[in-house]
Amino acid sequence: MILSYLLTGGIDSSLLANMLKQEDKKVSCLYFDLNNYRVEKEIHFAKKASFKIGYPLEIINFNGFMDLMDIHLQN
């Protein structure tokens, strides 16, 4: 079984991904690109962490998601 894991590139998610690797878990890492102001930096660290750990990383683009949230919050 392959686990899907949300990897932000931060210390917490990277550390847990590394722990999963040490336990020989099969993992596919996901990063949700919400197109916010930190996205380039976060994607860089998520890619770096997944490469170093040896897990594949899939970046899922949620362009427009924040616009939908703004619309929802305004109503």
N, C-alpha and C. Protein backbone atom coordinates (compact mmCIF):
# COMPACT_ATOMS: atom_id res chain seq x y z
N MET A 1 0.85 -1.18 0.00
CA MET A 1 0.00 0.00 0.00
C MET A 1 0.89 1.24 0.00
N ILE A 2 0.56 2.20 -0.84
CA ILE A 2 1.28 3.46 -0.90
C ILE A 2 0.47 4.53 -0.16
N LEU A 3 1.15 5.21 0.77
CA LEU A 3 0.52 6.27 1.53
C LEU A 3 0.66 7.58 0.78
N SER A 4 -0.37 8.41 0.82
CA SER A 4 -0.28 9.78 0.31
C SER A 4 0.00 10.66 1.51
N TYR A 5 0.99 11.55 1.36
CA TYR A 5 1.43 12.35 2.49
C TYR A 5 1.59 13.80 2.05
N LEU A 6 1.03 14.72 2.83
CA LEU A 6 1.14 16.15 2.52
C LEU A 6 2.48 16.66 3.02
N LEU A 7 3.33 17.08 2.11
CA LEU A 7 4.67 17.58 2.43
C LEU A 7 4.74 19.05 2.09
N THR A 8 4.93 19.88 3.12
CA THR A 8 5.01 21.33 2.90
C THR A 8 6.44 21.80 2.72
N GLY A 9 7.39 20.98 3.10
CA GLY A 9 8.79 21.39 3.06
C GLY A 9 9.25 21.98 4.37
N GLY A 10 8.31 22.16 5.30
CA GLY A 10 8.66 22.64 6.64
C GLY A 10 9.33 21.54 7.44
N ILE A 11 9.87 21.90 8.58
CA ILE A 11 10.62 20.95 9.40
C ILE A 11 9.74 19.79 9.88
N ASP A 12 8.50 20.07 10.27
CA ASP A 12 7.63 19.01 10.81
C ASP A 12 7.28 17.98 9.76
N SER A 13 6.80 18.44 8.60
CA SER A 13 6.38 17.47 7.58
C SER A 13 7.59 16.74 6.99
N SER A 14 8.72 17.43 6.88
CA SER A 14 9.93 16.79 6.36
C SER A 14 10.46 15.74 7.33
N LEU A 15 10.43 16.05 8.62
CA LEU A 15 10.89 15.10 9.64
C LEU A 15 10.02 13.86 9.65
N LEU A 16 8.70 14.04 9.58
CA LEU A 16 7.80 12.88 9.58
C LEU A 16 7.97 12.06 8.31
N ALA A 17 8.17 12.70 7.17
CA ALA A 17 8.41 11.96 5.92
C ALA A 17 9.68 11.12 6.04
N ASN A 18 10.70 11.68 6.66
CA ASN A 18 11.94 10.94 6.87
C ASN A 18 11.72 9.75 7.81
N MET A 19 10.91 9.94 8.83
CA MET A 19 10.59 8.84 9.75
C MET A 19 9.84 7.73 9.02
N LEU A 20 8.93 8.09 8.12
CA LEU A 20 8.21 7.10 7.33
C LEU A 20 9.18 6.32 6.45
N LYS A 21 10.17 7.01 5.90
CA LYS A 21 11.17 6.36 5.06
C LYS A 21 11.99 5.36 5.88
N GLN A 22 12.35 5.74 7.10
CA GLN A 22 13.10 4.85 7.98
C GLN A 22 12.30 3.60 8.35
N GLU A 23 10.99 3.72 8.34
CA GLU A 23 10.10 2.58 8.63
C GLU A 23 9.78 1.79 7.36
N ASP A 24 10.46 2.11 6.26
CA ASP A 24 10.27 1.44 4.96
C ASP A 24 8.84 1.54 4.43
N LYS A 25 8.18 2.66 4.73
CA LYS A 25 6.83 2.89 4.21
C LYS A 25 6.93 3.41 2.78
N LYS A 26 6.03 2.96 1.94
CA LYS A 26 5.95 3.47 0.57
C LYS A 26 5.04 4.69 0.59
N VAL A 27 5.60 5.80 0.17
CA VAL A 27 4.90 7.08 0.30
C VAL A 27 5.00 7.87 -1.00
N SER A 28 3.90 8.52 -1.35
CA SER A 28 3.87 9.49 -2.44
C SER A 28 3.54 10.83 -1.78
N CYS A 29 4.45 11.79 -1.89
CA CYS A 29 4.26 13.09 -1.25
C CYS A 29 3.44 14.01 -2.15
N LEU A 30 2.60 14.80 -1.51
CA LEU A 30 1.76 15.77 -2.21
C LEU A 30 2.05 17.16 -1.66
N TYR A 31 2.04 18.13 -2.53
CA TYR A 31 2.12 19.53 -2.13
C TYR A 31 0.97 20.26 -2.79
N PHE A 32 0.15 20.95 -2.01
CA PHE A 32 -0.97 21.71 -2.54
C PHE A 32 -0.53 23.15 -2.79
N ASP A 33 -0.44 23.53 -4.06
CA ASP A 33 -0.06 24.88 -4.45
C ASP A 33 -1.32 25.75 -4.43
N LEU A 34 -1.45 26.56 -3.37
CA LEU A 34 -2.60 27.44 -3.22
C LEU A 34 -2.36 28.81 -3.83
N ASN A 35 -1.22 28.96 -4.53
CA ASN A 35 -0.88 30.20 -5.21
C ASN A 35 -0.86 31.38 -4.23
N ASN A 36 -0.27 31.16 -3.06
CA ASN A 36 -0.13 32.26 -2.11
C ASN A 36 1.25 32.87 -2.22
N TYR A 37 1.53 33.86 -1.41
CA TYR A 37 2.78 34.61 -1.54
C TYR A 37 4.02 33.81 -1.17
N ARG A 38 3.90 32.70 -0.45
CA ARG A 38 5.06 31.91 -0.04
C ARG A 38 5.30 30.71 -0.94
N VAL A 39 4.54 30.57 -1.98
CA VAL A 39 4.52 29.33 -2.74
C VAL A 39 5.89 28.94 -3.31
N GLU A 40 6.63 29.87 -3.87
CA GLU A 40 7.92 29.52 -4.49
C GLU A 40 8.89 28.96 -3.46
N LYS A 41 8.96 29.59 -2.31
CA LYS A 41 9.86 29.15 -1.25
C LYS A 41 9.42 27.78 -0.71
N GLU A 42 8.13 27.61 -0.50
CA GLU A 42 7.62 26.34 0.03
C GLU A 42 7.84 25.20 -0.96
N ILE A 43 7.56 25.43 -2.23
CA ILE A 43 7.75 24.39 -3.25
C ILE A 43 9.22 24.00 -3.32
N HIS A 44 10.10 24.98 -3.24
CA HIS A 44 11.54 24.71 -3.27
C HIS A 44 11.92 23.75 -2.13
N PHE A 45 11.47 24.03 -0.92
CA PHE A 45 11.82 23.19 0.22
C PHE A 45 11.13 21.83 0.16
N ALA A 46 9.90 21.78 -0.35
CA ALA A 46 9.21 20.49 -0.49
C ALA A 46 9.95 19.61 -1.51
N LYS A 47 10.37 20.20 -2.62
CA LYS A 47 11.13 19.44 -3.63
C LYS A 47 12.45 18.95 -3.07
N LYS A 48 13.12 19.82 -2.35
CA LYS A 48 14.41 19.48 -1.76
C LYS A 48 14.27 18.34 -0.75
N ALA A 49 13.25 18.43 0.11
CA ALA A 49 13.03 17.40 1.13
C ALA A 49 12.66 16.06 0.48
N SER A 50 11.76 16.08 -0.49
CA SER A 50 11.33 14.82 -1.11
C SER A 50 12.49 14.16 -1.86
N PHE A 51 13.33 14.96 -2.51
CA PHE A 51 14.48 14.42 -3.22
C PHE A 51 15.47 13.79 -2.24
N LYS A 52 15.75 14.50 -1.17
CA LYS A 52 16.72 14.02 -0.19
C LYS A 52 16.23 12.74 0.49
N ILE A 53 14.93 12.66 0.76
CA ILE A 53 14.35 11.49 1.42
C ILE A 53 14.18 10.35 0.43
N GLY A 54 13.93 10.68 -0.83
CA GLY A 54 13.78 9.66 -1.86
C GLY A 54 12.35 9.29 -2.17
N TYR A 55 11.44 10.20 -1.88
CA TYR A 55 10.02 9.99 -2.20
C TYR A 55 9.63 10.87 -3.38
N PRO A 56 8.71 10.39 -4.22
CA PRO A 56 8.22 11.24 -5.30
C PRO A 56 7.34 12.35 -4.73
N LEU A 57 7.31 13.47 -5.43
CA LEU A 57 6.49 14.61 -5.01
C LEU A 57 5.58 15.02 -6.16
N GLU A 58 4.31 15.13 -5.87
CA GLU A 58 3.35 15.62 -6.86
C GLU A 58 2.83 16.96 -6.37
N ILE A 59 2.96 17.97 -7.23
CA ILE A 59 2.46 19.31 -6.89
C ILE A 59 1.08 19.46 -7.50
N ILE A 60 0.10 19.68 -6.65
CA ILE A 60 -1.29 19.81 -7.09
C ILE A 60 -1.65 21.29 -7.09
N ASN A 61 -2.01 21.80 -8.26
CA ASN A 61 -2.28 23.21 -8.44
C ASN A 61 -3.73 23.53 -8.07
N PHE A 62 -3.87 24.43 -7.13
CA PHE A 62 -5.19 24.89 -6.71
C PHE A 62 -5.39 26.35 -7.06
N ASN A 63 -4.87 26.79 -8.23
CA ASN A 63 -5.08 28.17 -8.64
C ASN A 63 -6.57 28.46 -8.65
N GLY A 64 -6.92 29.57 -8.10
CA GLY A 64 -8.33 29.94 -8.02
C GLY A 64 -8.97 29.53 -6.71
N PHE A 65 -8.33 28.67 -5.96
CA PHE A 65 -8.91 28.21 -4.70
C PHE A 65 -9.07 29.37 -3.72
N MET A 66 -8.03 30.20 -3.62
CA MET A 66 -8.10 31.32 -2.69
C MET A 66 -9.19 32.31 -3.10
N ASP A 67 -9.40 32.48 -4.42
CA ASP A 67 -10.48 33.34 -4.89
C ASP A 67 -11.83 32.79 -4.46
N LEU A 68 -11.99 31.47 -4.56
CA LEU A 68 -13.25 30.85 -4.13
C LEU A 68 -13.45 31.04 -2.63
N MET A 69 -12.38 30.94 -1.86
CA MET A 69 -12.49 31.13 -0.42
C MET A 69 -12.89 32.56 -0.11
N ASP A 70 -12.31 33.53 -0.83
CA ASP A 70 -12.68 34.94 -0.63
C ASP A 70 -14.15 35.17 -0.92
N ILE A 71 -14.65 34.59 -2.01
CA ILE A 71 -16.06 34.72 -2.38
C ILE A 71 -16.94 34.14 -1.28
N HIS A 72 -16.55 32.96 -0.80
CA HIS A 72 -17.33 32.28 0.24
C HIS A 72 -17.35 33.11 1.52
N LEU A 73 -16.22 33.66 1.89
CA LEU A 73 -16.13 34.43 3.14
C LEU A 73 -16.86 35.76 3.05
N GLN A 74 -17.01 36.30 1.84
CA GLN A 74 -17.71 37.58 1.67
C GLN A 74 -19.22 37.41 1.77
N ASN A 75 -19.71 36.21 1.56
CA ASN A 75 -21.17 35.97 1.60
C ASN A 75 -21.65 35.67 2.97
